[in-house]
Amino acid sequence: MLILNKLKTTLLLILLLVSAQTYSQQPFQIADTTKAWHTLYYGVYPWNVMSCFGARAHKLGGEVEFNGDTYHFVYESHDSLQQEWAYAGYLREDTIERRCITHPILTME
C-alpha cells in the first residue's frame, strides 16, 4: 500500500510539472514595432462618480542609440482615428533582466 501511494504521488508530481511546462506563458518581446497599445484615462468626481477623460494610442517607431543602448521612439495619438502621432519618449527593453526602460523625450541628449 505504501508503494502504491508513493507511485501515485510521483506520477502526480510528474504530471503537474509537465502540465506547468506545457501551459506556462512563453517569453515574448514587448518592444516590438508591430505592436500598439491603448490607454484609457479616467477619474472620480465627488460622490464616487467615475468619468472617462479620454483614450490615447501608443506605438513604437524607429530606433536611436544613447550611451550604447538602442531605444525605440514612442509615438502617442490623442486622435480617435489615429492619424496624428506625436513623439512621447523612448523605450528600451532589457531582455536579460526582463524589464522595459522608458525616458521622456526631453531628458535624452
PDB file of N, CA and C in Angstrom:
ATOM      1  N   MET A   1       0.818  -1.191   0.000  1.00  0.00           N
ATOM      2  CA  MET A   1       0.000   0.000   0.000  1.00  0.00           C
ATOM      3  C   MET A   1       0.865   1.259   0.000  1.00  0.00           C
ATOM      4  N   LEU A   2       1.958   1.250   0.767  1.00  0.00           N
ATOM      5  CA  LEU A   2       2.867   2.381   0.837  1.00  0.00           C
ATOM      6  C   LEU A   2       3.519   2.641  -0.519  1.00  0.00           C
ATOM      7  N   ILE A   3       3.864   1.598  -1.228  1.00  0.00           N
ATOM      8  CA  ILE A   3       4.479   1.736  -2.549  1.00  0.00           C
ATOM      9  C   ILE A   3       3.483   2.343  -3.531  1.00  0.00           C
ATOM     10  N   LEU A   4       2.229   1.935  -3.439  1.00  0.00           N
ATOM     11  CA  LEU A   4       1.191   2.456  -4.323  1.00  0.00           C
ATOM     12  C   LEU A   4       0.974   3.958  -4.084  1.00  0.00           C
ATOM     13  N   ASN A   5       0.989   4.406  -2.834  1.00  0.00           N
ATOM     14  CA  ASN A   5       0.844   5.830  -2.520  1.00  0.00           C
ATOM     15  C   ASN A   5       2.027   6.648  -3.035  1.00  0.00           C
ATOM     16  N   LYS A   6       3.249   6.099  -2.892  1.00  0.00           N
ATOM     17  CA  LYS A   6       4.428   6.800  -3.411  1.00  0.00           C
ATOM     18  C   LYS A   6       4.385   6.886  -4.926  1.00  0.00           C
ATOM     19  N   LEU A   7       3.906   5.825  -5.564  1.00  0.00           N
ATOM     20  CA  LEU A   7       3.791   5.818  -7.016  1.00  0.00           C
ATOM     21  C   LEU A   7       2.765   6.851  -7.482  1.00  0.00           C
ATOM     22  N   LYS A   8       1.636   6.940  -6.785  1.00  0.00           N
ATOM     23  CA  LYS A   8       0.621   7.937  -7.130  1.00  0.00           C
ATOM     24  C   LYS A   8       1.158   9.348  -6.943  1.00  0.00           C
ATOM     25  N   THR A   9       1.867   9.571  -5.851  1.00  0.00           N
ATOM     26  CA  THR A   9       2.429  10.887  -5.582  1.00  0.00           C
ATOM     27  C   THR A   9       3.464  11.272  -6.638  1.00  0.00           C
ATOM     28  N   THR A  10       4.326  10.333  -6.988  1.00  0.00           N
ATOM     29  CA  THR A  10       5.344  10.586  -8.005  1.00  0.00           C
ATOM     30  C   THR A  10       4.716  10.854  -9.362  1.00  0.00           C
ATOM     31  N   LEU A  11       3.717  10.071  -9.726  1.00  0.00           N
ATOM     32  CA  LEU A  11       3.032  10.263 -11.001  1.00  0.00           C
ATOM     33  C   LEU A  11       2.311  11.612 -11.045  1.00  0.00           C
ATOM     34  N   LEU A  12       1.681  11.993  -9.953  1.00  0.00           N
ATOM     35  CA  LEU A  12       1.004  13.282  -9.881  1.00  0.00           C
ATOM     36  C   LEU A  12       1.996  14.441  -9.998  1.00  0.00           C
ATOM     37  N   LEU A  13       3.135  14.306  -9.344  1.00  0.00           N
ATOM     38  CA  LEU A  13       4.167  15.339  -9.419  1.00  0.00           C
ATOM     39  C   LEU A  13       4.697  15.484 -10.846  1.00  0.00           C
ATOM     40  N   ILE A  14       4.955  14.387 -11.496  1.00  0.00           N
ATOM     41  CA  ILE A  14       5.426  14.421 -12.884  1.00  0.00           C
ATOM     42  C   ILE A  14       4.376  15.048 -13.786  1.00  0.00           C
ATOM     43  N   LEU A  15       3.122  14.690 -13.595  1.00  0.00           N
ATOM     44  CA  LEU A  15       2.041  15.251 -14.395  1.00  0.00           C
ATOM     45  C   LEU A  15       1.907  16.761 -14.190  1.00  0.00           C
ATOM     46  N   LEU A  16       2.045  17.222 -12.963  1.00  0.00           N
ATOM     47  CA  LEU A  16       1.974  18.653 -12.679  1.00  0.00           C
ATOM     48  C   LEU A  16       3.136  19.414 -13.320  1.00  0.00           C
ATOM     49  N   LEU A  17       4.328  18.858 -13.250  1.00  0.00           N
ATOM     50  CA  LEU A  17       5.482  19.519 -13.852  1.00  0.00           C
ATOM     51  C   LEU A  17       5.360  19.597 -15.368  1.00  0.00           C
ATOM     52  N   VAL A  18       4.891  18.531 -15.977  1.00  0.00           N
ATOM     53  CA  VAL A  18       4.724  18.526 -17.433  1.00  0.00           C
ATOM     54  C   VAL A  18       3.636  19.511 -17.851  1.00  0.00           C
ATOM     55  N   SER A  19       2.528  19.540 -17.121  1.00  0.00           N
ATOM     56  CA  SER A  19       1.450  20.464 -17.487  1.00  0.00           C
ATOM     57  C   SER A  19       1.863  21.911 -17.248  1.00  0.00           C
ATOM     58  N   ALA A  20       2.640  22.185 -16.203  1.00  0.00           N
ATOM     59  CA  ALA A  20       3.104  23.551 -15.956  1.00  0.00           C
ATOM     60  C   ALA A  20       4.023  24.008 -17.080  1.00  0.00           C
ATOM     61  N   GLN A  21       4.869  23.137 -17.568  1.00  0.00           N
ATOM     62  CA  GLN A  21       5.756  23.478 -18.667  1.00  0.00           C
ATOM     63  C   GLN A  21       4.972  23.680 -19.958  1.00  0.00           C
ATOM     64  N   THR A  22       3.942  22.894 -20.151  1.00  0.00           N
ATOM     65  CA  THR A  22       3.152  22.959 -21.382  1.00  0.00           C
ATOM     66  C   THR A  22       2.293  24.208 -21.435  1.00  0.00           C
ATOM     67  N   TYR A  23       1.676  24.592 -20.327  1.00  0.00           N
ATOM     68  CA  TYR A  23       0.729  25.692 -20.315  1.00  0.00           C
ATOM     69  C   TYR A  23       1.294  27.008 -19.803  1.00  0.00           C
ATOM     70  N   SER A  24       2.542  27.076 -19.421  1.00  0.00           N
ATOM     71  CA  SER A  24       3.094  28.326 -18.916  1.00  0.00           C
ATOM     72  C   SER A  24       3.321  29.297 -20.069  1.00  0.00           C
ATOM     73  N   GLN A  25       3.323  30.582 -19.747  1.00  0.00           N
ATOM     74  CA  GLN A  25       3.466  31.618 -20.761  1.00  0.00           C
ATOM     75  C   GLN A  25       4.889  31.645 -21.283  1.00  0.00           C
ATOM     76  N   GLN A  26       5.005  31.673 -22.577  1.00  0.00           N
ATOM     77  CA  GLN A  26       6.310  31.743 -23.215  1.00  0.00           C
ATOM     78  C   GLN A  26       6.780  33.195 -23.214  1.00  0.00           C
ATOM     79  N   PRO A  27       8.090  33.430 -23.156  1.00  0.00           N
ATOM     80  CA  PRO A  27       8.580  34.813 -23.172  1.00  0.00           C
ATOM     81  C   PRO A  27       8.285  35.469 -24.523  1.00  0.00           C
ATOM     82  N   PHE A  28       8.022  36.748 -24.490  1.00  0.00           N
ATOM     83  CA  PHE A  28       7.769  37.495 -25.718  1.00  0.00           C
ATOM     84  C   PHE A  28       8.419  38.854 -25.605  1.00  0.00           C
ATOM     85  N   GLN A  29       8.612  39.475 -26.746  1.00  0.00           N
ATOM     86  CA  GLN A  29       9.257  40.778 -26.794  1.00  0.00           C
ATOM     87  C   GLN A  29       8.195  41.868 -26.731  1.00  0.00           C
ATOM     88  N   ILE A  30       8.328  42.761 -25.781  1.00  0.00           N
ATOM     89  CA  ILE A  30       7.367  43.854 -25.632  1.00  0.00           C
ATOM     90  C   ILE A  30       7.707  44.991 -26.587  1.00  0.00           C
ATOM     91  N   ALA A  31       8.975  45.327 -26.689  1.00  0.00           N
ATOM     92  CA  ALA A  31       9.401  46.431 -27.552  1.00  0.00           C
ATOM     93  C   ALA A  31       9.425  45.954 -28.997  1.00  0.00           C
ATOM     94  N   ASP A  32       8.242  45.901 -29.592  1.00  0.00           N
ATOM     95  CA  ASP A  32       8.070  45.417 -30.960  1.00  0.00           C
ATOM     96  C   ASP A  32       7.362  46.508 -31.757  1.00  0.00           C
ATOM     97  N   THR A  33       7.922  46.890 -32.895  1.00  0.00           N
ATOM     98  CA  THR A  33       7.343  47.981 -33.682  1.00  0.00           C
ATOM     99  C   THR A  33       6.044  47.593 -34.370  1.00  0.00           C
ATOM    100  N   THR A  34       5.683  46.325 -34.355  1.00  0.00           N
ATOM    101  CA  THR A  34       4.417  45.912 -34.970  1.00  0.00           C
ATOM    102  C   THR A  34       3.265  45.956 -33.975  1.00  0.00           C
ATOM    103  N   LYS A  35       3.546  46.243 -32.703  1.00  0.00           N
ATOM    104  CA  LYS A  35       2.517  46.261 -31.672  1.00  0.00           C
ATOM    105  C   LYS A  35       2.100  47.688 -31.341  1.00  0.00           C
ATOM    106  N   ALA A  36       0.879  47.819 -30.837  1.00  0.00           N
ATOM    107  CA  ALA A  36       0.369  49.106 -30.370  1.00  0.00           C
ATOM    108  C   ALA A  36      -0.458  48.851 -29.119  1.00  0.00           C
ATOM    109  N   TRP A  37      -0.615  49.851 -28.277  1.00  0.00           N
ATOM    110  CA  TRP A  37      -1.453  49.690 -27.101  1.00  0.00           C
ATOM    111  C   TRP A  37      -2.257  50.955 -26.876  1.00  0.00           C
ATOM    112  N   HIS A  38      -3.352  50.803 -26.165  1.00  0.00           N
ATOM    113  CA  HIS A  38      -4.280  51.902 -25.908  1.00  0.00           C
ATOM    114  C   HIS A  38      -4.405  52.107 -24.400  1.00  0.00           C
ATOM    115  N   THR A  39      -4.485  53.363 -23.997  1.00  0.00           N
ATOM    116  CA  THR A  39      -4.591  53.720 -22.589  1.00  0.00           C
ATOM    117  C   THR A  39      -5.860  54.522 -22.379  1.00  0.00           C
ATOM    118  N   LEU A  40      -6.634  54.125 -21.405  1.00  0.00           N
ATOM    119  CA  LEU A  40      -7.874  54.818 -21.066  1.00  0.00           C
ATOM    120  C   LEU A  40      -7.636  55.630 -19.800  1.00  0.00           C
ATOM    121  N   TYR A  41      -7.932  56.927 -19.853  1.00  0.00           N
ATOM    122  CA  TYR A  41      -7.760  57.801 -18.704  1.00  0.00           C
ATOM    123  C   TYR A  41      -9.120  58.073 -18.079  1.00  0.00           C
ATOM    124  N   TYR A  42      -9.200  57.895 -16.769  1.00  0.00           N
ATOM    125  CA  TYR A  42     -10.463  58.137 -16.085  1.00  0.00           C
ATOM    126  C   TYR A  42     -10.193  58.768 -14.733  1.00  0.00           C
ATOM    127  N   GLY A  43     -11.228  59.281 -14.142  1.00  0.00           N
ATOM    128  CA  GLY A  43     -11.104  59.908 -12.831  1.00  0.00           C
ATOM    129  C   GLY A  43     -12.394  59.759 -12.060  1.00  0.00           C
ATOM    130  N   VAL A  44     -12.359  60.223 -10.825  1.00  0.00           N
ATOM    131  CA  VAL A  44     -13.526  60.116  -9.956  1.00  0.00           C
ATOM    132  C   VAL A  44     -13.921  61.516  -9.508  1.00  0.00           C
ATOM    133  N   TYR A  45     -15.173  61.859  -9.766  1.00  0.00           N
ATOM    134  CA  TYR A  45     -15.726  63.122  -9.300  1.00  0.00           C
ATOM    135  C   TYR A  45     -16.280  62.922  -7.891  1.00  0.00           C
ATOM    136  N   PRO A  46     -16.700  63.992  -7.242  1.00  0.00           N
ATOM    137  CA  PRO A  46     -17.335  63.824  -5.931  1.00  0.00           C
ATOM    138  C   PRO A  46     -18.516  62.856  -5.997  1.00  0.00           C
ATOM    139  N   TRP A  47     -18.841  62.237  -4.949  1.00  0.00           N
ATOM    140  CA  TRP A  47     -19.890  61.223  -4.786  1.00  0.00           C
ATOM    141  C   TRP A  47     -19.577  59.955  -5.571  1.00  0.00           C
ATOM    142  N   ASN A  48     -18.281  59.691  -5.785  1.00  0.00           N
ATOM    143  CA  ASN A  48     -17.809  58.476  -6.451  1.00  0.00           C
ATOM    144  C   ASN A  48     -18.383  58.270  -7.852  1.00  0.00           C
ATOM    145  N   VAL A  49     -18.548  59.337  -8.575  1.00  0.00           N
ATOM    146  CA  VAL A  49     -18.996  59.249  -9.970  1.00  0.00           C
ATOM    147  C   VAL A  49     -17.752  59.156 -10.844  1.00  0.00           C
ATOM    148  N   MET A  50     -17.627  58.075 -11.591  1.00  0.00           N
ATOM    149  CA  MET A  50     -16.464  57.885 -12.451  1.00  0.00           C
ATOM    150  C   MET A  50     -16.734  58.494 -13.823  1.00  0.00           C
ATOM    151  N   SER A  51     -15.682  59.047 -14.412  1.00  0.00           N
ATOM    152  CA  SER A  51     -15.812  59.667 -15.718  1.00  0.00           C
ATOM    153  C   SER A  51     -14.575  59.343 -16.548  1.00  0.00           C
ATOM    154  N   CYS A  52     -14.776  59.080 -17.821  1.00  0.00           N
ATOM    155  CA  CYS A  52     -13.676  58.822 -18.740  1.00  0.00           C
ATOM    156  C   CYS A  52     -13.156  60.156 -19.269  1.00  0.00           C
ATOM    157  N   PHE A  53     -11.867  60.392 -19.117  1.00  0.00           N
ATOM    158  CA  PHE A  53     -11.264  61.629 -19.590  1.00  0.00           C
ATOM    159  C   PHE A  53     -10.716  61.507 -21.004  1.00  0.00           C
ATOM    160  N   GLY A  54     -10.692  60.310 -21.560  1.00  0.00           N
ATOM    161  CA  GLY A  54     -10.206  60.126 -22.919  1.00  0.00           C
ATOM    162  C   GLY A  54      -9.346  58.894 -23.057  1.00  0.00           C
ATOM    163  N   ALA A  55      -8.942  58.636 -24.267  1.00  0.00           N
ATOM    164  CA  ALA A  55      -8.099  57.481 -24.569  1.00  0.00           C
ATOM    165  C   ALA A  55      -6.939  57.938 -25.449  1.00  0.00           C
ATOM    166  N   ARG A  56      -5.844  57.252 -25.325  1.00  0.00           N
ATOM    167  CA  ARG A  56      -4.667  57.532 -26.145  1.00  0.00           C
ATOM    168  C   ARG A  56      -4.148  56.219 -26.719  1.00  0.00           C
ATOM    169  N   ALA A  57      -3.595  56.309 -27.889  1.00  0.00           N
ATOM    170  CA  ALA A  57      -2.964  55.146 -28.522  1.00  0.00           C
ATOM    171  C   ALA A  57      -1.459  55.382 -28.543  1.00  0.00           C
ATOM    172  N   HIS A  58      -0.690  54.311 -28.360  1.00  0.00           N
ATOM    173  CA  HIS A  58       0.764  54.390 -28.377  1.00  0.00           C
ATOM    174  C   HIS A  58       1.305  53.329 -29.324  1.00  0.00           C
ATOM    175  N   LYS A  59       2.400  53.654 -29.992  1.00  0.00           N
ATOM    176  CA  LYS A  59       3.085  52.686 -30.840  1.00  0.00           C
ATOM    177  C   LYS A  59       4.570  53.009 -30.843  1.00  0.00           C
ATOM    178  N   LEU A  60       5.365  52.055 -31.273  1.00  0.00           N
ATOM    179  CA  LEU A  60       6.807  52.223 -31.336  1.00  0.00           C
ATOM    180  C   LEU A  60       7.233  52.473 -32.770  1.00  0.00           C
ATOM    181  N   GLY A  61       8.280  53.276 -32.920  1.00  0.00           N
ATOM    182  CA  GLY A  61       8.768  53.595 -34.258  1.00  0.00           C
ATOM    183  C   GLY A  61      10.230  53.244 -34.416  1.00  0.00           C
ATOM    184  N   GLY A  62      10.961  54.116 -35.062  1.00  0.00           N
ATOM    185  CA  GLY A  62      12.365  53.889 -35.378  1.00  0.00           C
ATOM    186  C   GLY A  62      13.247  53.762 -34.146  1.00  0.00           C
ATOM    187  N   GLU A  63      14.506  53.502 -34.405  1.00  0.00           N
ATOM    188  CA  GLU A  63      15.454  53.280 -33.320  1.00  0.00           C
ATOM    189  C   GLU A  63      16.458  54.422 -33.255  1.00  0.00           C
ATOM    190  N   VAL A  64      16.961  54.646 -32.052  1.00  0.00           N
ATOM    191  CA  VAL A  64      18.012  55.628 -31.816  1.00  0.00           C
ATOM    192  C   VAL A  64      18.917  55.065 -30.728  1.00  0.00           C
ATOM    193  N   GLU A  65      20.186  55.417 -30.752  1.00  0.00           N
ATOM    194  CA  GLU A  65      21.129  54.863 -29.777  1.00  0.00           C
ATOM    195  C   GLU A  65      21.605  55.949 -28.828  1.00  0.00           C
ATOM    196  N   PHE A  66      21.544  55.660 -27.522  1.00  0.00           N
ATOM    197  CA  PHE A  66      22.034  56.543 -26.471  1.00  0.00           C
ATOM    198  C   PHE A  66      22.913  55.740 -25.533  1.00  0.00           C
ATOM    199  N   ASN A  67      24.131  56.203 -25.314  1.00  0.00           N
ATOM    200  CA  ASN A  67      25.065  55.566 -24.372  1.00  0.00           C
ATOM    201  C   ASN A  67      25.217  54.067 -24.636  1.00  0.00           C
ATOM    202  N   GLY A  68      25.230  53.673 -25.880  1.00  0.00           N
ATOM    203  CA  GLY A  68      25.421  52.269 -26.235  1.00  0.00           C
ATOM    204  C   GLY A  68      24.174  51.419 -26.165  1.00  0.00           C
ATOM    205  N   ASP A  69      23.043  51.982 -25.798  1.00  0.00           N
ATOM    206  CA  ASP A  69      21.780  51.241 -25.727  1.00  0.00           C
ATOM    207  C   ASP A  69      20.858  51.701 -26.850  1.00  0.00           C
ATOM    208  N   THR A  70      20.120  50.755 -27.422  1.00  0.00           N
ATOM    209  CA  THR A  70      19.195  51.073 -28.502  1.00  0.00           C
ATOM    210  C   THR A  70      17.794  51.280 -27.941  1.00  0.00           C
ATOM    211  N   TYR A  71      17.230  52.441 -28.221  1.00  0.00           N
ATOM    212  CA  TYR A  71      15.884  52.804 -27.782  1.00  0.00           C
ATOM    213  C   TYR A  71      14.966  52.909 -28.996  1.00  0.00           C
ATOM    214  N   HIS A  72      13.672  52.676 -28.783  1.00  0.00           N
ATOM    215  CA  HIS A  72      12.660  52.888 -29.801  1.00  0.00           C
ATOM    216  C   HIS A  72      11.953  54.214 -29.508  1.00  0.00           C
ATOM    217  N   PHE A  73      11.599  54.939 -30.562  1.00  0.00           N
ATOM    218  CA  PHE A  73      10.760  56.106 -30.383  1.00  0.00           C
ATOM    219  C   PHE A  73       9.364  55.646 -29.989  1.00  0.00           C
ATOM    220  N   VAL A  74       8.742  56.334 -29.020  1.00  0.00           N
ATOM    221  CA  VAL A  74       7.357  56.054 -28.643  1.00  0.00           C
ATOM    222  C   VAL A  74       6.510  57.190 -29.200  1.00  0.00           C
ATOM    223  N   TYR A  75       5.501  56.828 -29.965  1.00  0.00           N
ATOM    224  CA  TYR A  75       4.580  57.804 -30.536  1.00  0.00           C
ATOM    225  C   TYR A  75       3.244  57.707 -29.813  1.00  0.00           C
ATOM    226  N   GLU A  76       2.579  58.857 -29.653  1.00  0.00           N
ATOM    227  CA  GLU A  76       1.300  58.906 -28.948  1.00  0.00           C
ATOM    228  C   GLU A  76       0.285  59.652 -29.812  1.00  0.00           C
ATOM    229  N   SER A  77      -0.937  59.129 -29.836  1.00  0.00           N
ATOM    230  CA  SER A  77      -2.002  59.761 -30.600  1.00  0.00           C
ATOM    231  C   SER A  77      -3.197  60.023 -29.692  1.00  0.00           C
ATOM    232  N   HIS A  78      -3.667  61.268 -29.693  1.00  0.00           N
ATOM    233  CA  HIS A  78      -4.889  61.626 -28.968  1.00  0.00           C
ATOM    234  C   HIS A  78      -6.091  61.545 -29.898  1.00  0.00           C
ATOM    235  N   ASP A  79      -5.824  61.333 -31.166  1.00  0.00           N
ATOM    236  CA  ASP A  79      -6.843  61.289 -32.203  1.00  0.00           C
ATOM    237  C   ASP A  79      -7.506  59.912 -32.206  1.00  0.00           C
ATOM    238  N   SER A  80      -8.832  59.868 -32.184  1.00  0.00           N
ATOM    239  CA  SER A  80      -9.530  58.577 -32.165  1.00  0.00           C
ATOM    240  C   SER A  80      -9.339  57.808 -33.468  1.00  0.00           C
ATOM    241  N   LEU A  81      -9.031  58.504 -34.557  1.00  0.00           N
ATOM    242  CA  LEU A  81      -8.766  57.831 -35.835  1.00  0.00           C
ATOM    243  C   LEU A  81      -7.298  57.450 -35.988  1.00  0.00           C
ATOM    244  N   GLN A  82      -6.471  57.870 -35.068  1.00  0.00           N
ATOM    245  CA  GLN A  82      -5.041  57.573 -35.026  1.00  0.00           C
ATOM    246  C   GLN A  82      -4.336  57.989 -36.312  1.00  0.00           C
ATOM    247  N   GLN A  83      -4.598  59.220 -36.738  1.00  0.00           N
ATOM    248  CA  GLN A  83      -3.949  59.738 -37.930  1.00  0.00           C
ATOM    249  C   GLN A  83      -2.864  60.752 -37.594  1.00  0.00           C
ATOM    250  N   GLU A  84      -2.918  61.336 -36.403  1.00  0.00           N
ATOM    251  CA  GLU A  84      -1.918  62.301 -35.979  1.00  0.00           C
ATOM    252  C   GLU A  84      -1.124  61.711 -34.821  1.00  0.00           C
ATOM    253  N   TRP A  85       0.186  61.572 -35.002  1.00  0.00           N
ATOM    254  CA  TRP A  85       1.058  60.983 -33.992  1.00  0.00           C
ATOM    255  C   TRP A  85       2.119  61.999 -33.587  1.00  0.00           C
ATOM    256  N   ALA A  86       2.463  62.009 -32.305  1.00  0.00           N
ATOM    257  CA  ALA A  86       3.500  62.907 -31.781  1.00  0.00           C
ATOM    258  C   ALA A  86       4.490  62.083 -30.965  1.00  0.00           C
ATOM    259  N   TYR A  87       5.738  62.554 -30.905  1.00  0.00           N
ATOM    260  CA  TYR A  87       6.743  61.869 -30.083  1.00  0.00           C
ATOM    261  C   TYR A  87       6.349  61.963 -28.617  1.00  0.00           C
ATOM    262  N   ALA A  88       6.467  60.851 -27.896  1.00  0.00           N
ATOM    263  CA  ALA A  88       6.134  60.844 -26.471  1.00  0.00           C
ATOM    264  C   ALA A  88       7.317  60.451 -25.598  1.00  0.00           C
ATOM    265  N   GLY A  89       8.354  59.866 -26.179  1.00  0.00           N
ATOM    266  CA  GLY A  89       9.505  59.461 -25.397  1.00  0.00           C
ATOM    267  C   GLY A  89      10.246  58.321 -26.054  1.00  0.00           C
ATOM    268  N   TYR A  90      11.021  57.605 -25.235  1.00  0.00           N
ATOM    269  CA  TYR A  90      11.828  56.495 -25.719  1.00  0.00           C
ATOM    270  C   TYR A  90      11.560  55.263 -24.861  1.00  0.00           C
ATOM    271  N   LEU A  91      11.711  54.087 -25.446  1.00  0.00           N
ATOM    272  CA  LEU A  91      11.524  52.835 -24.718  1.00  0.00           C
ATOM    273  C   LEU A  91      12.616  51.854 -25.127  1.00  0.00           C
ATOM    274  N   ARG A  92      13.170  51.187 -24.131  1.00  0.00           N
ATOM    275  CA  ARG A  92      14.175  50.154 -24.373  1.00  0.00           C
ATOM    276  C   ARG A  92      13.801  48.932 -23.562  1.00  0.00           C
ATOM    277  N   GLU A  93      13.927  47.763 -24.163  1.00  0.00           N
ATOM    278  CA  GLU A  93      13.634  46.520 -23.451  1.00  0.00           C
ATOM    279  C   GLU A  93      14.931  45.802 -23.130  1.00  0.00           C
ATOM    280  N   ASP A  94      15.112  45.465 -21.872  1.00  0.00           N
ATOM    281  CA  ASP A  94      16.252  44.675 -21.429  1.00  0.00           C
ATOM    282  C   ASP A  94      15.781  43.232 -21.316  1.00  0.00           C
ATOM    283  N   THR A  95      16.131  42.410 -22.310  1.00  0.00           N
ATOM    284  CA  THR A  95      15.640  41.031 -22.335  1.00  0.00           C
ATOM    285  C   THR A  95      16.332  40.138 -21.320  1.00  0.00           C
ATOM    286  N   ILE A  96      17.508  40.522 -20.860  1.00  0.00           N
ATOM    287  CA  ILE A  96      18.210  39.716 -19.856  1.00  0.00           C
ATOM    288  C   ILE A  96      17.549  39.885 -18.486  1.00  0.00           C
ATOM    289  N   GLU A  97      17.292  41.125 -18.097  1.00  0.00           N
ATOM    290  CA  GLU A  97      16.647  41.390 -16.806  1.00  0.00           C
ATOM    291  C   GLU A  97      15.129  41.402 -16.913  1.00  0.00           C
ATOM    292  N   ARG A  98      14.593  41.245 -18.118  1.00  0.00           N
ATOM    293  CA  ARG A  98      13.156  41.184 -18.387  1.00  0.00           C
ATOM    294  C   ARG A  98      12.428  42.416 -17.833  1.00  0.00           C
ATOM    295  N   ARG A  99      12.859  43.599 -18.310  1.00  0.00           N
ATOM    296  CA  ARG A  99      12.207  44.841 -17.910  1.00  0.00           C
ATOM    297  C   ARG A  99      12.297  45.839 -19.050  1.00  0.00           C
ATOM    298  N   CYS A 100      11.436  46.840 -19.015  1.00  0.00           N
ATOM    299  CA  CYS A 100      11.431  47.923 -20.006  1.00  0.00           C
ATOM    300  C   CYS A 100      11.850  49.217 -19.331  1.00  0.00           C
ATOM    301  N   ILE A 101      12.665  49.991 -20.017  1.00  0.00           N
ATOM    302  CA  ILE A 101      13.145  51.259 -19.510  1.00  0.00           C
ATOM    303  C   ILE A 101      12.571  52.350 -20.411  1.00  0.00           C
ATOM    304  N   THR A 102      11.913  53.340 -19.825  1.00  0.00           N
ATOM    305  CA  THR A 102      11.325  54.437 -20.588  1.00  0.00           C
ATOM    306  C   THR A 102      11.987  55.748 -20.184  1.00  0.00           C
ATOM    307  N   HIS A 103      12.017  56.679 -21.122  1.00  0.00           N
ATOM    308  CA  HIS A 103      12.529  58.015 -20.870  1.00  0.00           C
ATOM    309  C   HIS A 103      11.658  59.013 -21.623  1.00  0.00           C
ATOM    310  N   PRO A 104      11.321  60.126 -20.981  1.00  0.00           N
ATOM    311  CA  PRO A 104      10.631  61.188 -21.712  1.00  0.00           C
ATOM    312  C   PRO A 104      11.526  61.727 -22.817  1.00  0.00           C
ATOM    313  N   ILE A 105      10.970  62.287 -23.818  1.00  0.00           N
ATOM    314  CA  ILE A 105      11.734  62.729 -24.978  1.00  0.00           C
ATOM    315  C   ILE A 105      12.696  63.863 -24.651  1.00  0.00           C
ATOM    316  N   LEU A 106      12.393  64.690 -23.658  1.00  0.00           N
ATOM    317  CA  LEU A 106      13.231  65.855 -23.363  1.00  0.00           C
ATOM    318  C   LEU A 106      14.456  65.523 -22.525  1.00  0.00           C
ATOM    319  N   THR A 107      14.509  64.360 -21.872  1.00  0.00           N
ATOM    320  CA  THR A 107      15.636  64.051 -20.990  1.00  0.00           C
ATOM    321  C   THR A 107      16.776  63.400 -21.718  1.00  0.00           C
ATOM    322  N   MET A 108      16.595  62.944 -22.955  1.00  0.00           N
ATOM    323  CA  MET A 108      17.665  62.268 -23.672  1.00  0.00           C
ATOM    324  C   MET A 108      18.417  63.277 -24.537  1.00  0.00           C
ATOM    325  N   GLU A 109      19.734  63.217 -24.490  1.00  0.00           N
ATOM    326  CA  GLU A 109      20.532  64.132 -25.307  1.00  0.00           C
ATOM    327  C   GLU A 109      21.552  63.342 -26.079  1.00  0.00           C
TER     328      GLU A 109
END
